[in-house]
Amino acid sequence: MGRIAAIVVSLVFMTGLAAAVEEGARPGIADVLTARLATAGSADEAAELAGALREVYAESESPSAEVLYAQSEVVVEEGDRQAALYKLTRALVLDEGLIAALVLRGNVRLNMGDVDAAFEDAIAAVELAPDYYAGLGLLARTFEAQGRYASALATTREAQRYYPLSEDLVEQLARHSTLARGGAGL
């Protein structure tokens, strides 16, 4: 199938999805999108399907942890940190093992200046998944906020072991290296 034909099929498919969402068929659509995402033929197709899946979840009234997490991502992007905290906390009540929600809530709390609460979320995330780079990255940023620069550096190095291509972790490592040396050049 040519690129234009694939785009047309995709647009028809997405239009059908939008209509079905309006009719309240979210669970079936989420299943279809998830199945299609697993067999996506390209990065572009996967990104398009992931975006459609996120939209389905963001529009849902379902009280599931995954839906609340998806909604919290949207409200974080919109800048409504209080709504994000509310949704993330609700998601974690439903599924206390939802590590991505712990990390996002920790990041929101850290950005709001609540270092102690962010630290608690980071510790919980690292305890659940010691090799999850995002949890380790959050923990390192909370160490930085606490002025514990050697711990921040060591934890960022550990995070980078699991995701060496992360540009955020490369920048964080450089900052923590400088801070751990006494802040020269900052």
Protein backbone atom coordinates (compact mmCIF):
# COMPACT_ATOMS: atom_id res chain seq x y z
CA MET A 1 0.00 0.00 0.00
CA GLY A 2 1.38 3.40 -0.94
CA ARG A 3 2.05 6.15 1.58
CA ILE A 4 -0.98 8.23 0.49
CA ALA A 5 -3.28 5.21 0.61
CA ALA A 6 -1.97 4.38 4.09
CA ILE A 7 -2.65 7.94 5.24
CA VAL A 8 -6.20 7.80 3.88
CA VAL A 9 -6.83 4.44 5.59
CA SER A 10 -5.36 5.83 8.80
CA LEU A 11 -7.53 8.96 8.64
CA VAL A 12 -10.65 6.88 8.01
CA PHE A 13 -9.67 4.63 10.91
CA MET A 14 -9.06 7.60 13.23
CA THR A 15 -12.33 9.24 12.19
CA GLY A 16 -14.13 6.00 13.02
CA LEU A 17 -12.35 5.94 16.38
CA ALA A 18 -13.39 9.48 17.18
CA ALA A 19 -17.03 8.66 16.39
CA ALA A 20 -16.90 5.54 18.51
CA VAL A 21 -15.37 7.46 21.42
CA GLU A 22 -18.24 9.95 21.23
CA GLU A 23 -20.64 6.99 21.36
CA GLY A 24 -18.96 5.73 24.55
CA ALA A 25 -17.13 2.71 23.11
CA ARG A 26 -13.80 3.47 24.83
CA PRO A 27 -12.88 0.01 26.09
CA GLY A 28 -13.21 -1.61 22.67
CA ILE A 29 -11.32 1.19 21.01
CA ALA A 30 -8.53 1.08 23.55
CA ASP A 31 -8.17 -2.65 22.89
CA VAL A 32 -8.08 -2.11 19.11
CA LEU A 33 -5.53 0.68 19.39
CA THR A 34 -3.36 -1.32 21.79
CA ALA A 35 -3.40 -4.31 19.44
CA ARG A 36 -2.55 -2.11 16.44
CA LEU A 37 0.20 -0.39 18.42
CA ALA A 38 1.82 -3.75 19.12
CA THR A 39 2.08 -4.43 15.39
CA ALA A 40 2.85 -0.92 14.12
CA GLY A 41 4.94 -1.00 10.97
CA SER A 42 6.86 2.20 11.62
CA ALA A 43 7.76 4.70 14.29
CA ASP A 44 5.38 7.23 12.73
CA GLU A 45 2.49 4.78 12.82
CA ALA A 46 3.30 3.84 16.43
CA ALA A 47 3.39 7.51 17.44
CA GLU A 48 0.06 8.15 15.73
CA LEU A 49 -1.56 5.14 17.41
CA ALA A 50 -0.09 6.03 20.80
CA GLY A 51 -1.46 9.55 20.43
CA ALA A 52 -4.90 8.22 19.55
CA LEU A 53 -4.80 5.86 22.53
CA ARG A 54 -3.82 8.71 24.82
CA GLU A 55 -6.73 10.79 23.51
CA VAL A 56 -9.15 7.92 24.15
CA TYR A 57 -7.93 7.62 27.73
CA ALA A 58 -7.85 11.37 28.29
CA GLU A 59 -11.51 11.66 27.27
CA SER A 60 -12.67 8.69 29.32
CA GLU A 61 -14.77 8.97 32.45
CA SER A 62 -13.51 5.59 33.63
CA PRO A 63 -11.95 5.63 37.10
CA SER A 64 -9.11 3.28 36.15
CA ALA A 65 -5.57 4.10 37.23
CA GLU A 66 -4.32 4.13 33.64
CA VAL A 67 -7.00 6.57 32.55
CA LEU A 68 -6.32 8.86 35.48
CA TYR A 69 -2.61 8.75 34.68
CA ALA A 70 -3.25 9.66 31.03
CA GLN A 71 -5.50 12.51 32.11
CA SER A 72 -2.84 13.75 34.53
CA GLU A 73 -0.29 13.90 31.70
CA VAL A 74 -2.67 16.16 29.79
CA VAL A 75 -3.31 18.50 32.72
CA VAL A 76 0.42 18.70 33.48
CA GLU A 77 0.99 19.84 29.90
CA GLU A 78 -1.78 22.41 30.39
CA GLY A 79 -0.02 23.65 33.54
CA ASP A 80 -2.68 22.60 36.06
CA ARG A 81 -0.44 20.97 38.65
CA GLN A 82 -3.13 20.79 41.34
CA ALA A 83 -5.45 18.82 39.06
CA ALA A 84 -2.53 16.59 38.09
CA LEU A 85 -1.72 15.88 41.74
CA TYR A 86 -5.35 15.02 42.41
CA LYS A 87 -5.58 12.65 39.44
CA LEU A 88 -2.20 11.05 40.16
CA THR A 89 -3.06 10.48 43.80
CA ARG A 90 -6.39 8.90 42.78
CA ALA A 91 -4.55 6.71 40.26
CA LEU A 92 -2.13 5.57 42.95
CA VAL A 93 -4.98 4.75 45.32
CA LEU A 94 -6.32 2.42 42.61
CA ASP A 95 -2.91 1.01 41.69
CA GLU A 96 -0.10 1.77 44.14
CA GLY A 97 2.34 -0.01 41.83
CA LEU A 98 1.83 2.36 38.90
CA ILE A 99 5.44 3.53 38.81
CA ALA A 100 4.96 6.08 36.04
CA ALA A 101 2.32 7.81 38.17
CA LEU A 102 4.67 7.88 41.17
CA VAL A 103 7.41 9.43 39.07
CA LEU A 104 5.12 12.00 37.46
CA ARG A 105 3.61 12.93 40.82
CA GLY A 106 7.11 13.25 42.27
CA ASN A 107 8.14 15.52 39.40
CA VAL A 108 5.06 17.68 39.85
CA ARG A 109 5.68 17.91 43.58
CA LEU A 110 9.34 18.77 43.03
CA ASN A 111 8.39 21.50 40.53
CA MET A 112 5.97 22.88 43.13
CA GLY A 113 8.74 22.99 45.74
CA ASP A 114 7.52 20.09 47.87
CA VAL A 115 10.88 18.33 48.02
CA ASP A 116 9.98 16.00 50.91
CA ALA A 117 6.88 14.64 49.16
CA ALA A 118 8.80 14.31 45.88
CA PHE A 119 11.52 12.40 47.75
CA GLU A 120 8.91 9.99 49.15
CA ASP A 121 7.55 9.34 45.64
CA ALA A 122 11.08 8.83 44.29
CA ILE A 123 11.95 6.34 47.04
CA ALA A 124 8.69 4.44 46.45
CA ALA A 125 9.34 4.31 42.68
CA VAL A 126 12.92 3.08 43.14
CA GLU A 127 11.79 0.45 45.64
CA LEU A 128 9.22 -0.84 43.14
CA ALA A 129 11.62 -0.79 40.17
CA PRO A 130 15.27 -0.27 41.09
CA ASP A 131 16.30 -0.28 37.43
CA TYR A 132 13.77 2.29 36.17
CA TYR A 133 15.80 5.25 34.96
CA ALA A 134 12.98 7.78 35.43
CA GLY A 135 12.54 6.88 39.10
CA LEU A 136 16.30 7.09 39.64
CA GLY A 137 16.41 10.40 37.78
CA LEU A 138 13.69 11.81 40.03
CA LEU A 139 15.54 10.57 43.11
CA ALA A 140 18.72 12.28 41.88
CA ARG A 141 16.86 15.57 41.35
CA THR A 142 15.42 15.37 44.87
CA PHE A 143 18.93 14.80 46.23
CA GLU A 144 20.00 17.89 44.31
CA ALA A 145 17.14 19.91 45.78
CA GLN A 146 18.23 18.75 49.24
CA GLY A 147 21.82 19.85 48.57
CA ARG A 148 23.07 16.26 48.62
CA TYR A 149 25.15 16.61 45.45
CA ALA A 150 27.34 13.49 45.81
CA SER A 151 24.19 11.36 46.17
CA ALA A 152 22.61 13.18 43.21
CA LEU A 153 25.68 12.42 41.08
CA ALA A 154 25.84 8.74 42.06
CA THR A 155 22.11 8.26 41.47
CA THR A 156 22.21 10.01 38.08
CA ARG A 157 25.09 7.74 37.06
CA GLU A 158 22.98 4.75 38.07
CA ALA A 159 20.01 6.05 36.06
CA GLN A 160 22.21 6.60 33.04
CA ARG A 161 23.33 2.96 33.19
CA TYR A 162 19.76 2.00 32.29
CA TYR A 163 19.15 4.68 29.67
CA PRO A 164 22.47 6.05 28.38
CA LEU A 165 20.87 7.89 25.44
CA SER A 166 18.66 10.13 27.57
CA GLU A 167 19.58 13.74 26.85
CA ASP A 168 17.98 14.80 30.13
CA LEU A 169 20.20 12.41 32.07
CA VAL A 170 23.31 13.60 30.19
CA GLU A 171 22.49 17.21 31.16
CA GLN A 172 21.65 16.14 34.71
CA LEU A 173 24.94 14.22 34.98
CA ALA A 174 26.93 17.28 33.89
CA ARG A 175 25.09 19.50 36.39
CA HIS A 176 25.50 17.01 39.23
CA SER A 177 29.20 16.53 38.43
CA THR A 178 29.73 20.26 38.71
CA LEU A 179 27.69 20.53 41.90
CA ALA A 180 29.49 17.59 43.50
CA ARG A 181 32.84 19.30 42.75
CA GLY A 182 31.70 22.35 44.66
CA GLY A 183 29.62 24.20 42.11
CA ALA A 184 32.51 25.75 40.17
CA GLY A 185 31.26 27.24 36.94
CA LEU A 186 27.61 27.45 37.95
